[in-house]
Amino acid sequence: MQAPKITIGAVLLFATGCTAPIMETRGPVIEVGNLPEAVLNLAAPGQDLSTARLRPEDGCYWYEHSGPVETTLVPLRSAGGNPICTARRA
């Protein structure tokens, strides 16, 4: 009697792993790599500006850093090390 329950549970668990992830969009995002001239002038060297984008959640620019294991979004930084962000409205 336990075998059918375990089999059904295993099949359901396997099936949930096969579903496609749902992508959420939260408002307008600047196209990847389409940066204003001012941001290009502020950005420190060594950052992949072709993958940079503005995240509306925090108003800062982020770029994709491709490491040896994974690709991660990292804040775009100026030559002084500060994150590059848009002005916040009061």
PDB file of N, CA and C in Angstrom:
ATOM      1  N   MET A   1       0.824  -1.197   0.000  1.00  0.00           N
ATOM      2  CA  MET A   1       0.000   0.000   0.000  1.00  0.00           C
ATOM      3  C   MET A   1       0.872   1.266   0.000  1.00  0.00           C
ATOM      4  N   GLN A   2       2.056   1.206   0.589  1.00  0.00           N
ATOM      5  CA  GLN A   2       2.945   2.363   0.623  1.00  0.00           C
ATOM      6  C   GLN A   2       3.554   2.657  -0.749  1.00  0.00           C
ATOM      7  N   ALA A   3       3.793   1.612  -1.545  1.00  0.00           N
ATOM      8  CA  ALA A   3       4.453   1.791  -2.845  1.00  0.00           C
ATOM      9  C   ALA A   3       3.669   2.709  -3.768  1.00  0.00           C
ATOM     10  N   PRO A   4       2.345   2.572  -3.916  1.00  0.00           N
ATOM     11  CA  PRO A   4       1.622   3.494  -4.809  1.00  0.00           C
ATOM     12  C   PRO A   4       1.687   4.944  -4.343  1.00  0.00           C
ATOM     13  N   LYS A   5       1.649   5.172  -3.038  1.00  0.00           N
ATOM     14  CA  LYS A   5       1.723   6.538  -2.530  1.00  0.00           C
ATOM     15  C   LYS A   5       3.086   7.153  -2.819  1.00  0.00           C
ATOM     16  N   ILE A   6       4.111   6.381  -2.634  1.00  0.00           N
ATOM     17  CA  ILE A   6       5.471   6.872  -2.900  1.00  0.00           C
ATOM     18  C   ILE A   6       5.648   7.132  -4.385  1.00  0.00           C
ATOM     19  N   THR A   7       5.134   6.249  -5.219  1.00  0.00           N
ATOM     20  CA  THR A   7       5.247   6.422  -6.667  1.00  0.00           C
ATOM     21  C   THR A   7       4.516   7.677  -7.126  1.00  0.00           C
ATOM     22  N   ILE A   8       3.309   7.880  -6.626  1.00  0.00           N
ATOM     23  CA  ILE A   8       2.542   9.073  -6.999  1.00  0.00           C
ATOM     24  C   ILE A   8       3.271  10.331  -6.524  1.00  0.00           C
ATOM     25  N   GLY A   9       3.795  10.301  -5.320  1.00  0.00           N
ATOM     26  CA  GLY A   9       4.542  11.451  -4.801  1.00  0.00           C
ATOM     27  C   GLY A   9       5.777  11.745  -5.632  1.00  0.00           C
ATOM     28  N   ALA A  10       6.485  10.693  -6.030  1.00  0.00           N
ATOM     29  CA  ALA A  10       7.688  10.880  -6.845  1.00  0.00           C
ATOM     30  C   ALA A  10       7.339  11.452  -8.211  1.00  0.00           C
ATOM     31  N   VAL A  11       6.250  10.964  -8.816  1.00  0.00           N
ATOM     32  CA  VAL A  11       5.829  11.474 -10.128  1.00  0.00           C
ATOM     33  C   VAL A  11       5.437  12.941 -10.030  1.00  0.00           C
ATOM     34  N   LEU A  12       4.694  13.309  -8.996  1.00  0.00           N
ATOM     35  CA  LEU A  12       4.303  14.711  -8.827  1.00  0.00           C
ATOM     36  C   LEU A  12       5.511  15.601  -8.588  1.00  0.00           C
ATOM     37  N   LEU A  13       6.440  15.137  -7.788  1.00  0.00           N
ATOM     38  CA  LEU A  13       7.656  15.911  -7.538  1.00  0.00           C
ATOM     39  C   LEU A  13       8.458  16.099  -8.814  1.00  0.00           C
ATOM     40  N   PHE A  14       8.569  15.046  -9.603  1.00  0.00           N
ATOM     41  CA  PHE A  14       9.289  15.130 -10.871  1.00  0.00           C
ATOM     42  C   PHE A  14       8.590  16.084 -11.830  1.00  0.00           C
ATOM     43  N   ALA A  15       7.273  16.025 -11.890  1.00  0.00           N
ATOM     44  CA  ALA A  15       6.503  16.871 -12.811  1.00  0.00           C
ATOM     45  C   ALA A  15       6.634  18.348 -12.460  1.00  0.00           C
ATOM     46  N   THR A  16       6.702  18.688 -11.177  1.00  0.00           N
ATOM     47  CA  THR A  16       6.846  20.097 -10.808  1.00  0.00           C
ATOM     48  C   THR A  16       8.206  20.629 -11.202  1.00  0.00           C
ATOM     49  N   GLY A  17       9.198  19.775 -11.269  1.00  0.00           N
ATOM     50  CA  GLY A  17      10.527  20.202 -11.697  1.00  0.00           C
ATOM     51  C   GLY A  17      10.606  20.460 -13.185  1.00  0.00           C
ATOM     52  N   CYS A  18       9.650  19.991 -13.941  1.00  0.00           N
ATOM     53  CA  CYS A  18       9.660  20.148 -15.395  1.00  0.00           C
ATOM     54  C   CYS A  18       8.911  21.388 -15.876  1.00  0.00           C
ATOM     55  N   THR A  19       8.297  22.117 -14.989  1.00  0.00           N
ATOM     56  CA  THR A  19       7.555  23.300 -15.417  1.00  0.00           C
ATOM     57  C   THR A  19       8.507  24.441 -15.735  1.00  0.00           C
ATOM     58  N   ALA A  20       8.104  25.303 -16.619  1.00  0.00           N
ATOM     59  CA  ALA A  20       8.921  26.458 -16.994  1.00  0.00           C
ATOM     60  C   ALA A  20       8.786  27.545 -15.939  1.00  0.00           C
ATOM     61  N   PRO A  21       9.897  28.217 -15.603  1.00  0.00           N
ATOM     62  CA  PRO A  21       9.808  29.306 -14.630  1.00  0.00           C
ATOM     63  C   PRO A  21       9.009  30.478 -15.195  1.00  0.00           C
ATOM     64  N   ILE A  22       8.289  31.152 -14.332  1.00  0.00           N
ATOM     65  CA  ILE A  22       7.491  32.304 -14.731  1.00  0.00           C
ATOM     66  C   ILE A  22       8.318  33.561 -14.537  1.00  0.00           C
ATOM     67  N   MET A  23       8.457  34.345 -15.595  1.00  0.00           N
ATOM     68  CA  MET A  23       9.233  35.582 -15.532  1.00  0.00           C
ATOM     69  C   MET A  23       8.302  36.725 -15.166  1.00  0.00           C
ATOM     70  N   GLU A  24       8.706  37.506 -14.169  1.00  0.00           N
ATOM     71  CA  GLU A  24       7.927  38.661 -13.768  1.00  0.00           C
ATOM     72  C   GLU A  24       8.550  39.923 -14.344  1.00  0.00           C
ATOM     73  N   THR A  25       7.713  40.847 -14.747  1.00  0.00           N
ATOM     74  CA  THR A  25       8.207  42.150 -15.166  1.00  0.00           C
ATOM     75  C   THR A  25       7.594  43.178 -14.245  1.00  0.00           C
ATOM     76  N   ARG A  26       8.406  44.070 -13.764  1.00  0.00           N
ATOM     77  CA  ARG A  26       7.937  45.088 -12.821  1.00  0.00           C
ATOM     78  C   ARG A  26       8.219  46.473 -13.370  1.00  0.00           C
ATOM     79  N   GLY A  27       7.414  46.892 -14.276  1.00  0.00           N
ATOM     80  CA  GLY A  27       7.557  48.244 -14.776  1.00  0.00           C
ATOM     81  C   GLY A  27       8.610  48.349 -15.865  1.00  0.00           C
ATOM     82  N   PRO A  28       8.841  49.576 -16.314  1.00  0.00           N
ATOM     83  CA  PRO A  28       9.770  49.794 -17.416  1.00  0.00           C
ATOM     84  C   PRO A  28      11.219  49.591 -16.996  1.00  0.00           C
ATOM     85  N   VAL A  29      11.969  48.973 -17.869  1.00  0.00           N
ATOM     86  CA  VAL A  29      13.397  48.769 -17.651  1.00  0.00           C
ATOM     87  C   VAL A  29      14.105  49.253 -18.906  1.00  0.00           C
ATOM     88  N   ILE A  30      15.193  49.977 -18.731  1.00  0.00           N
ATOM     89  CA  ILE A  30      15.979  50.415 -19.890  1.00  0.00           C
ATOM     90  C   ILE A  30      16.543  49.174 -20.561  1.00  0.00           C
ATOM     91  N   GLU A  31      16.546  49.176 -21.869  1.00  0.00           N
ATOM     92  CA  GLU A  31      17.069  48.033 -22.603  1.00  0.00           C
ATOM     93  C   GLU A  31      18.500  47.746 -22.178  1.00  0.00           C
ATOM     94  N   VAL A  32      18.831  46.471 -22.161  1.00  0.00           N
ATOM     95  CA  VAL A  32      20.167  46.052 -21.771  1.00  0.00           C
ATOM     96  C   VAL A  32      21.188  46.672 -22.720  1.00  0.00           C
ATOM     97  N   GLY A  33      22.202  47.315 -22.142  1.00  0.00           N
ATOM     98  CA  GLY A  33      23.267  47.916 -22.928  1.00  0.00           C
ATOM     99  C   GLY A  33      22.947  49.291 -23.480  1.00  0.00           C
ATOM    100  N   ASN A  34      21.723  49.775 -23.313  1.00  0.00           N
ATOM    101  CA  ASN A  34      21.323  51.087 -23.827  1.00  0.00           C
ATOM    102  C   ASN A  34      21.428  52.096 -22.678  1.00  0.00           C
ATOM    103  N   LEU A  35      22.629  52.619 -22.457  1.00  0.00           N
ATOM    104  CA  LEU A  35      22.879  53.510 -21.319  1.00  0.00           C
ATOM    105  C   LEU A  35      23.010  54.957 -21.755  1.00  0.00           C
ATOM    106  N   PRO A  36      22.577  55.880 -20.898  1.00  0.00           N
ATOM    107  CA  PRO A  36      22.783  57.301 -21.197  1.00  0.00           C
ATOM    108  C   PRO A  36      24.281  57.638 -21.222  1.00  0.00           C
ATOM    109  N   GLU A  37      24.619  58.672 -21.962  1.00  0.00           N
ATOM    110  CA  GLU A  37      26.015  59.108 -22.103  1.00  0.00           C
ATOM    111  C   GLU A  37      26.651  59.409 -20.743  1.00  0.00           C
ATOM    112  N   ALA A  38      25.895  60.025 -19.835  1.00  0.00           N
ATOM    113  CA  ALA A  38      26.427  60.369 -18.512  1.00  0.00           C
ATOM    114  C   ALA A  38      26.832  59.123 -17.730  1.00  0.00           C
ATOM    115  N   VAL A  39      26.054  58.066 -17.839  1.00  0.00           N
ATOM    116  CA  VAL A  39      26.380  56.820 -17.134  1.00  0.00           C
ATOM    117  C   VAL A  39      27.633  56.195 -17.734  1.00  0.00           C
ATOM    118  N   LEU A  40      27.735  56.219 -19.059  1.00  0.00           N
ATOM    119  CA  LEU A  40      28.930  55.676 -19.717  1.00  0.00           C
ATOM    120  C   LEU A  40      30.192  56.408 -19.272  1.00  0.00           C
ATOM    121  N   ASN A  41      30.085  57.725 -19.085  1.00  0.00           N
ATOM    122  CA  ASN A  41      31.242  58.514 -18.658  1.00  0.00           C
ATOM    123  C   ASN A  41      31.604  58.261 -17.196  1.00  0.00           C
ATOM    124  N   LEU A  42      30.613  57.951 -16.350  1.00  0.00           N
ATOM    125  CA  LEU A  42      30.860  57.709 -14.926  1.00  0.00           C
ATOM    126  C   LEU A  42      31.395  56.316 -14.628  1.00  0.00           C
ATOM    127  N   ALA A  43      31.025  55.329 -15.429  1.00  0.00           N
ATOM    128  CA  ALA A  43      31.323  53.929 -15.127  1.00  0.00           C
ATOM    129  C   ALA A  43      32.827  53.650 -15.104  1.00  0.00           C
ATOM    130  N   ALA A  44      33.246  52.910 -14.092  1.00  0.00           N
ATOM    131  CA  ALA A  44      34.644  52.511 -13.958  1.00  0.00           C
ATOM    132  C   ALA A  44      34.974  51.454 -15.018  1.00  0.00           C
ATOM    133  N   PRO A  45      36.231  51.356 -15.401  1.00  0.00           N
ATOM    134  CA  PRO A  45      36.614  50.332 -16.386  1.00  0.00           C
ATOM    135  C   PRO A  45      36.484  48.923 -15.785  1.00  0.00           C
ATOM    136  N   GLY A  46      36.405  47.934 -16.667  1.00  0.00           N
ATOM    137  CA  GLY A  46      36.358  46.545 -16.230  1.00  0.00           C
ATOM    138  C   GLY A  46      34.956  46.018 -15.962  1.00  0.00           C
ATOM    139  N   GLN A  47      33.929  46.791 -16.310  1.00  0.00           N
ATOM    140  CA  GLN A  47      32.554  46.370 -16.114  1.00  0.00           C
ATOM    141  C   GLN A  47      31.918  46.141 -17.486  1.00  0.00           C
ATOM    142  N   ASP A  48      31.070  45.150 -17.596  1.00  0.00           N
ATOM    143  CA  ASP A  48      30.439  44.808 -18.868  1.00  0.00           C
ATOM    144  C   ASP A  48      29.243  45.720 -19.116  1.00  0.00           C
ATOM    145  N   LEU A  49      29.482  46.841 -19.770  1.00  0.00           N
ATOM    146  CA  LEU A  49      28.421  47.819 -20.019  1.00  0.00           C
ATOM    147  C   LEU A  49      27.400  47.328 -21.036  1.00  0.00           C
ATOM    148  N   SER A  50      27.741  46.319 -21.812  1.00  0.00           N
ATOM    149  CA  SER A  50      26.787  45.794 -22.795  1.00  0.00           C
ATOM    150  C   SER A  50      25.632  45.053 -22.132  1.00  0.00           C
ATOM    151  N   THR A  51      25.793  44.652 -20.860  1.00  0.00           N
ATOM    152  CA  THR A  51      24.724  43.959 -20.139  1.00  0.00           C
ATOM    153  C   THR A  51      24.091  44.836 -19.064  1.00  0.00           C
ATOM    154  N   ALA A  52      24.489  46.107 -18.991  1.00  0.00           N
ATOM    155  CA  ALA A  52      24.001  47.001 -17.934  1.00  0.00           C
ATOM    156  C   ALA A  52      22.552  47.395 -18.175  1.00  0.00           C
ATOM    157  N   ARG A  53      21.837  47.606 -17.064  1.00  0.00           N
ATOM    158  CA  ARG A  53      20.425  48.008 -17.127  1.00  0.00           C
ATOM    159  C   ARG A  53      20.050  48.748 -15.857  1.00  0.00           C
ATOM    160  N   LEU A  54      18.981  49.511 -15.940  1.00  0.00           N
ATOM    161  CA  LEU A  54      18.443  50.238 -14.789  1.00  0.00           C
ATOM    162  C   LEU A  54      17.369  49.381 -14.139  1.00  0.00           C
ATOM    163  N   ARG A  55      17.509  49.139 -12.844  1.00  0.00           N
ATOM    164  CA  ARG A  55      16.494  48.373 -12.114  1.00  0.00           C
ATOM    165  C   ARG A  55      15.552  49.351 -11.432  1.00  0.00           C
ATOM    166  N   PRO A  56      14.266  49.314 -11.761  1.00  0.00           N
ATOM    167  CA  PRO A  56      13.314  50.263 -11.185  1.00  0.00           C
ATOM    168  C   PRO A  56      13.124  50.078  -9.676  1.00  0.00           C
ATOM    169  N   GLU A  57      13.421  48.889  -9.139  1.00  0.00           N
ATOM    170  CA  GLU A  57      13.224  48.637  -7.714  1.00  0.00           C
ATOM    171  C   GLU A  57      14.057  49.580  -6.847  1.00  0.00           C
ATOM    172  N   ASP A  58      15.284  49.863  -7.279  1.00  0.00           N
ATOM    173  CA  ASP A  58      16.166  50.698  -6.466  1.00  0.00           C
ATOM    174  C   ASP A  58      16.687  51.928  -7.203  1.00  0.00           C
ATOM    175  N   GLY A  59      16.405  52.037  -8.503  1.00  0.00           N
ATOM    176  CA  GLY A  59      16.842  53.192  -9.268  1.00  0.00           C
ATOM    177  C   GLY A  59      18.332  53.197  -9.585  1.00  0.00           C
ATOM    178  N   CYS A  60      18.992  52.050  -9.467  1.00  0.00           N
ATOM    179  CA  CYS A  60      20.435  51.951  -9.736  1.00  0.00           C
ATOM    180  C   CYS A  60      20.685  51.102 -10.981  1.00  0.00           C
ATOM    181  N   TYR A  61      21.852  51.316 -11.560  1.00  0.00           N
ATOM    182  CA  TYR A  61      22.268  50.548 -12.731  1.00  0.00           C
ATOM    183  C   TYR A  61      23.017  49.302 -12.255  1.00  0.00           C
ATOM    184  N   TRP A  62      22.750  48.180 -12.917  1.00  0.00           N
ATOM    185  CA  TRP A  62      23.366  46.898 -12.601  1.00  0.00           C
ATOM    186  C   TRP A  62      23.874  46.286 -13.894  1.00  0.00           C
ATOM    187  N   TYR A  63      24.903  45.443 -13.791  1.00  0.00           N
ATOM    188  CA  TYR A  63      25.396  44.727 -14.963  1.00  0.00           C
ATOM    189  C   TYR A  63      25.617  43.267 -14.598  1.00  0.00           C
ATOM    190  N   GLU A  64      25.706  42.410 -15.605  1.00  0.00           N
ATOM    191  CA  GLU A  64      25.905  40.982 -15.392  1.00  0.00           C
ATOM    192  C   GLU A  64      27.394  40.685 -15.314  1.00  0.00           C
ATOM    193  N   HIS A  65      27.805  40.130 -14.187  1.00  0.00           N
ATOM    194  CA  HIS A  65      29.194  39.687 -14.019  1.00  0.00           C
ATOM    195  C   HIS A  65      29.220  38.178 -14.215  1.00  0.00           C
ATOM    196  N   SER A  66      29.979  37.718 -15.200  1.00  0.00           N
ATOM    197  CA  SER A  66      30.073  36.287 -15.473  1.00  0.00           C
ATOM    198  C   SER A  66      31.272  35.721 -14.736  1.00  0.00           C
ATOM    199  N   GLY A  67      31.005  35.010 -13.648  1.00  0.00           N
ATOM    200  CA  GLY A  67      32.053  34.377 -12.861  1.00  0.00           C
ATOM    201  C   GLY A  67      32.307  32.958 -13.341  1.00  0.00           C
ATOM    202  N   PRO A  68      33.203  32.236 -12.658  1.00  0.00           N
ATOM    203  CA  PRO A  68      33.531  30.877 -13.076  1.00  0.00           C
ATOM    204  C   PRO A  68      32.376  29.894 -12.875  1.00  0.00           C
ATOM    205  N   VAL A  69      31.444  30.208 -11.975  1.00  0.00           N
ATOM    206  CA  VAL A  69      30.355  29.287 -11.680  1.00  0.00           C
ATOM    207  C   VAL A  69      29.010  29.804 -12.166  1.00  0.00           C
ATOM    208  N   GLU A  70      28.748  31.099 -11.964  1.00  0.00           N
ATOM    209  CA  GLU A  70      27.444  31.643 -12.312  1.00  0.00           C
ATOM    210  C   GLU A  70      27.552  33.080 -12.787  1.00  0.00           C
ATOM    211  N   THR A  71      26.480  33.556 -13.382  1.00  0.00           N
ATOM    212  CA  THR A  71      26.382  34.950 -13.794  1.00  0.00           C
ATOM    213  C   THR A  71      25.485  35.666 -12.795  1.00  0.00           C
ATOM    214  N   THR A  72      25.975  36.793 -12.262  1.00  0.00           N
ATOM    215  CA  THR A  72      25.288  37.503 -11.200  1.00  0.00           C
ATOM    216  C   THR A  72      25.126  38.972 -11.564  1.00  0.00           C
ATOM    217  N   LEU A  73      23.997  39.574 -11.167  1.00  0.00           N
ATOM    218  CA  LEU A  73      23.831  41.014 -11.330  1.00  0.00           C
ATOM    219  C   LEU A  73      24.621  41.721 -10.234  1.00  0.00           C
ATOM    220  N   VAL A  74      25.439  42.686 -10.640  1.00  0.00           N
ATOM    221  CA  VAL A  74      26.302  43.441  -9.731  1.00  0.00           C
ATOM    222  C   VAL A  74      26.054  44.925  -9.975  1.00  0.00           C
ATOM    223  N   PRO A  75      26.067  45.749  -8.915  1.00  0.00           N
ATOM    224  CA  PRO A  75      25.855  47.185  -9.127  1.00  0.00           C
ATOM    225  C   PRO A  75      26.946  47.793 -10.013  1.00  0.00           C
ATOM    226  N   LEU A  76      26.531  48.626 -10.947  1.00  0.00           N
ATOM    227  CA  LEU A  76      27.467  49.362 -11.787  1.00  0.00           C
ATOM    228  C   LEU A  76      28.096  50.447 -10.923  1.00  0.00           C
ATOM    229  N   ARG A  77      29.417  50.529 -10.909  1.00  0.00           N
ATOM    230  CA  ARG A  77      30.106  51.451 -10.011  1.00  0.00           C
ATOM    231  C   ARG A  77      30.902  52.496 -10.784  1.00  0.00           C
ATOM    232  N   SER A  78      31.062  53.645 -10.136  1.00  0.00           N
ATOM    233  CA  SER A  78      31.871  54.716 -10.706  1.00  0.00           C
ATOM    234  C   SER A  78      33.338  54.431 -10.401  1.00  0.00           C
ATOM    235  N   ALA A  79      34.220  55.279 -10.931  1.00  0.00           N
ATOM    236  CA  ALA A  79      35.654  55.096 -10.677  1.00  0.00           C
ATOM    237  C   ALA A  79      35.975  55.214  -9.192  1.00  0.00           C
ATOM    238  N   GLY A  80      35.170  55.950  -8.437  1.00  0.00           N
ATOM    239  CA  GLY A  80      35.376  56.091  -6.995  1.00  0.00           C
ATOM    240  C   GLY A  80      34.820  54.925  -6.186  1.00  0.00           C
ATOM    241  N   GLY A  81      34.121  53.994  -6.842  1.00  0.00           N
ATOM    242  CA  GLY A  81      33.578  52.830  -6.157  1.00  0.00           C
ATOM    243  C   GLY A  81      32.135  52.968  -5.714  1.00  0.00           C
ATOM    244  N   ASN A  82      31.526  54.108  -5.992  1.00  0.00           N
ATOM    245  CA  ASN A  82      30.131  54.320  -5.598  1.00  0.00           C
ATOM    246  C   ASN A  82      29.185  53.742  -6.645  1.00  0.00           C
ATOM    247  N   PRO A  83      28.023  53.214  -6.209  1.00  0.00           N
ATOM    248  CA  PRO A  83      27.052  52.728  -7.195  1.00  0.00           C
ATOM    249  C   PRO A  83      26.478  53.899  -7.990  1.00  0.00           C
ATOM    250  N   ILE A  84      26.164  53.646  -9.250  1.00  0.00           N
ATOM    251  CA  ILE A  84      25.596  54.667 -10.118  1.00  0.00           C
ATOM    252  C   ILE A  84      24.074  54.510 -10.085  1.00  0.00           C
ATOM    253  N   CYS A  85      23.389  55.521  -9.560  1.00  0.00           N
ATOM    254  CA  CYS A  85      21.942  55.487  -9.407  1.00  0.00           C
ATOM    255  C   CYS A  85      21.329  56.770  -9.955  1.00  0.00           C
ATOM    256  N   THR A  86      20.033  56.714 -10.239  1.00  0.00           N
ATOM    257  CA  THR A  86      19.306  57.902 -10.678  1.00  0.00           C
ATOM    258  C   THR A  86      18.888  58.708  -9.458  1.00  0.00           C
ATOM    259  N   ALA A  87      18.567  59.956  -9.679  1.00  0.00           N
ATOM    260  CA  ALA A  87      18.116  60.813  -8.577  1.00  0.00           C
ATOM    261  C   ALA A  87      16.744  60.362  -8.106  1.00  0.00           C
ATOM    262  N   ARG A  88      16.546  60.330  -6.805  1.00  0.00           N
ATOM    263  CA  ARG A  88      15.257  59.934  -6.230  1.00  0.00           C
ATOM    264  C   ARG A  88      14.366  61.146  -6.084  1.00  0.00           C
ATOM    265  N   ARG A  89      13.070  60.926  -6.349  1.00  0.00           N
ATOM    266  CA  ARG A  89      12.113  62.020  -6.173  1.00  0.00           C
ATOM    267  C   ARG A  89      11.687  62.061  -4.731  1.00  0.00           C
ATOM    268  N   ALA A  90      11.468  63.263  -4.224  1.00  0.00           N
ATOM    269  CA  ALA A  90      11.065  63.438  -2.814  1.00  0.00           C
ATOM    270  C   ALA A  90       9.602  63.179  -2.620  1.00  0.00           C
TER     271      ALA A  90
END
